[in-house]
Protein backbone atom coordinates (compact mmCIF):
# COMPACT_ATOMS: atom_id res chain seq x y z
CA MET A 1 -16.26 -0.31 43.91
CA GLU A 2 -19.85 0.88 44.01
CA ILE A 3 -20.52 4.30 45.55
CA LYS A 4 -23.51 4.49 47.86
CA SER A 5 -25.08 7.62 49.29
CA VAL A 6 -27.27 7.29 52.36
CA SER A 7 -28.90 9.45 54.98
CA LEU A 8 -28.16 8.10 58.44
CA GLY A 9 -31.00 9.89 60.14
CA ALA A 10 -32.27 13.17 61.46
CA ARG A 11 -31.91 14.53 64.94
CA LEU A 12 -33.47 17.37 66.85
CA ILE A 13 -30.62 19.56 68.03
CA THR A 14 -31.45 21.33 71.28
CA GLU A 15 -28.01 22.82 71.87
CA ARG A 16 -26.26 25.48 69.81
CA THR A 17 -25.15 24.27 66.42
CA LYS A 18 -21.48 24.98 67.01
CA ALA A 19 -18.93 22.95 65.06
CA GLU A 20 -17.89 21.01 68.18
CA ASN A 21 -21.47 19.94 68.91
CA LEU A 22 -22.09 18.95 65.30
CA THR A 23 -18.84 16.97 65.14
CA LYS A 24 -19.87 15.05 68.23
CA LEU A 25 -23.32 14.35 66.77
CA ILE A 26 -21.92 13.18 63.42
CA LEU A 27 -19.48 10.82 65.11
CA GLU A 28 -22.21 9.49 67.44
CA MET A 29 -24.40 8.70 64.43
CA CYS A 30 -21.50 6.92 62.74
CA LYS A 31 -20.89 4.90 65.91
CA GLU A 32 -24.58 3.91 66.08
CA TRP A 33 -24.37 2.65 62.49
CA LYS A 34 -20.97 1.01 63.15
CA ILE A 35 -19.27 3.19 60.53
CA LYS A 36 -15.57 3.79 61.11
CA ARG A 37 -14.00 7.11 60.11
CA GLU A 38 -11.75 5.42 57.58
CA GLN A 39 -14.78 3.86 55.87
CA VAL A 40 -16.22 7.28 54.99
CA LYS A 41 -15.00 8.28 51.53
CA GLY A 42 -16.59 11.72 51.50
CA ILE A 43 -18.97 14.04 53.28
CA ILE A 44 -21.11 16.63 51.50
CA THR A 45 -22.34 19.72 53.31
CA ASP A 46 -23.86 23.06 52.51
CA TYR A 47 -21.80 26.23 53.03
CA GLY A 48 -22.54 26.82 56.73
CA SER A 49 -19.22 27.44 58.47
CA ASN A 50 -20.29 25.37 61.46
CA ILE A 51 -21.12 22.21 59.49
CA VAL A 52 -18.07 22.60 57.23
CA ALA A 53 -15.81 22.78 60.30
CA ALA A 54 -17.61 19.79 61.86
CA ALA A 55 -17.23 17.67 58.71
CA LYS A 56 -13.54 18.48 58.41
CA ALA A 57 -12.95 17.79 62.11
CA ALA A 58 -14.76 14.46 61.90
CA PHE A 59 -13.25 13.11 58.69
CA GLY A 60 -10.47 15.42 57.49
CA GLU A 61 -10.29 18.20 54.92
CA ASP A 62 -9.64 15.83 52.03
CA LYS A 63 -13.03 14.12 52.52
CA HIS A 64 -15.18 17.28 52.61
CA TYR A 65 -17.13 18.45 49.56
CA PHE A 66 -19.56 21.32 49.13
CA CYS A 67 -23.04 20.59 47.80
CA PHE A 68 -23.13 21.76 44.18
CA ALA A 69 -26.90 22.34 44.20
CA HIS A 70 -26.66 24.53 47.30
CA GLY A 71 -23.84 26.56 45.77
CA LEU A 72 -25.79 27.00 42.55
CA ASN A 73 -28.85 28.13 44.50
CA ILE A 74 -26.78 30.73 46.37
CA ALA A 75 -25.20 31.99 43.14
CA VAL A 76 -28.53 32.37 41.35
CA THR A 77 -30.23 33.92 44.38
CA ASN A 78 -27.44 36.50 44.68
CA ALA A 79 -27.35 37.15 40.93
CA ILE A 80 -31.03 38.04 40.74
CA GLY A 81 -31.00 39.95 44.03
CA LEU A 82 -33.52 37.73 45.75
CA TYR A 83 -33.77 38.20 49.52
CA LYS A 84 -31.62 41.33 49.55
CA LYS A 85 -32.73 43.84 52.16
CA LYS A 86 -31.89 47.52 52.19
CA LYS A 87 -29.41 48.40 54.91
CA THR A 88 -29.40 51.63 56.81
CA GLU A 89 -26.25 53.70 56.60
CA GLU A 90 -25.86 54.08 60.38
CA SER A 91 -26.09 50.51 61.64
CA GLY A 92 -25.53 48.50 58.48
CA LEU A 93 -28.62 46.46 59.45
CA PRO A 94 -31.68 46.02 57.23
CA GLU A 95 -34.13 48.89 57.73
CA ASP A 96 -36.70 46.68 59.43
CA MET A 97 -34.29 44.86 61.77
CA ASP A 98 -32.57 45.70 65.04
CA GLU A 99 -29.48 43.96 66.48
CA ASP A 100 -31.47 41.38 68.51
CA GLU A 101 -33.49 40.42 65.45
CA GLU A 102 -30.31 40.18 63.40
CA MET A 103 -28.78 37.76 65.93
CA ALA A 104 -31.96 35.66 65.99
CA GLU A 105 -31.96 35.52 62.18
CA PHE A 106 -28.26 34.56 62.15
CA GLU A 107 -28.93 31.70 64.58
CA ARG A 108 -31.89 30.46 62.48
CA GLU A 109 -29.72 30.51 59.36
CA GLU A 110 -26.90 28.75 61.20
CA GLU A 111 -29.30 26.00 62.30
CA ALA A 112 -30.79 25.68 58.83
CA ASP A 113 -27.28 25.37 57.37
CA ALA A 114 -26.54 22.25 59.40
CA THR A 115 -27.10 19.89 56.48
CA VAL A 116 -24.83 16.93 55.86
CA ARG A 117 -24.61 13.76 53.73
CA LEU A 118 -22.12 10.94 54.04
CA LEU A 119 -20.81 9.04 51.04
């Protein structure tokens, strides 16, 4: 058996990137390409909790794999302290960020973490 890796497409997501919405989108794309769930041998995602939950809901836990390159990037970034911001003692938030900004940043990160590949 020959393993093939393909990208099925890209979509603009206008709704929140919750696991339920992503699951629906993944399954819609599979339907458009006439790919049955049992034909998918694996799905690779980054570490975003929303996309991990969507992948597992769509195809099962045994078919989900984390992207090694993404994990390595996170490990190196954390090891060298890149992107760390000082947090204030009172709020626990970075010095230059209030709660609204923190939520906006969280949502941007959540959207950016919605990366997926089917095998």
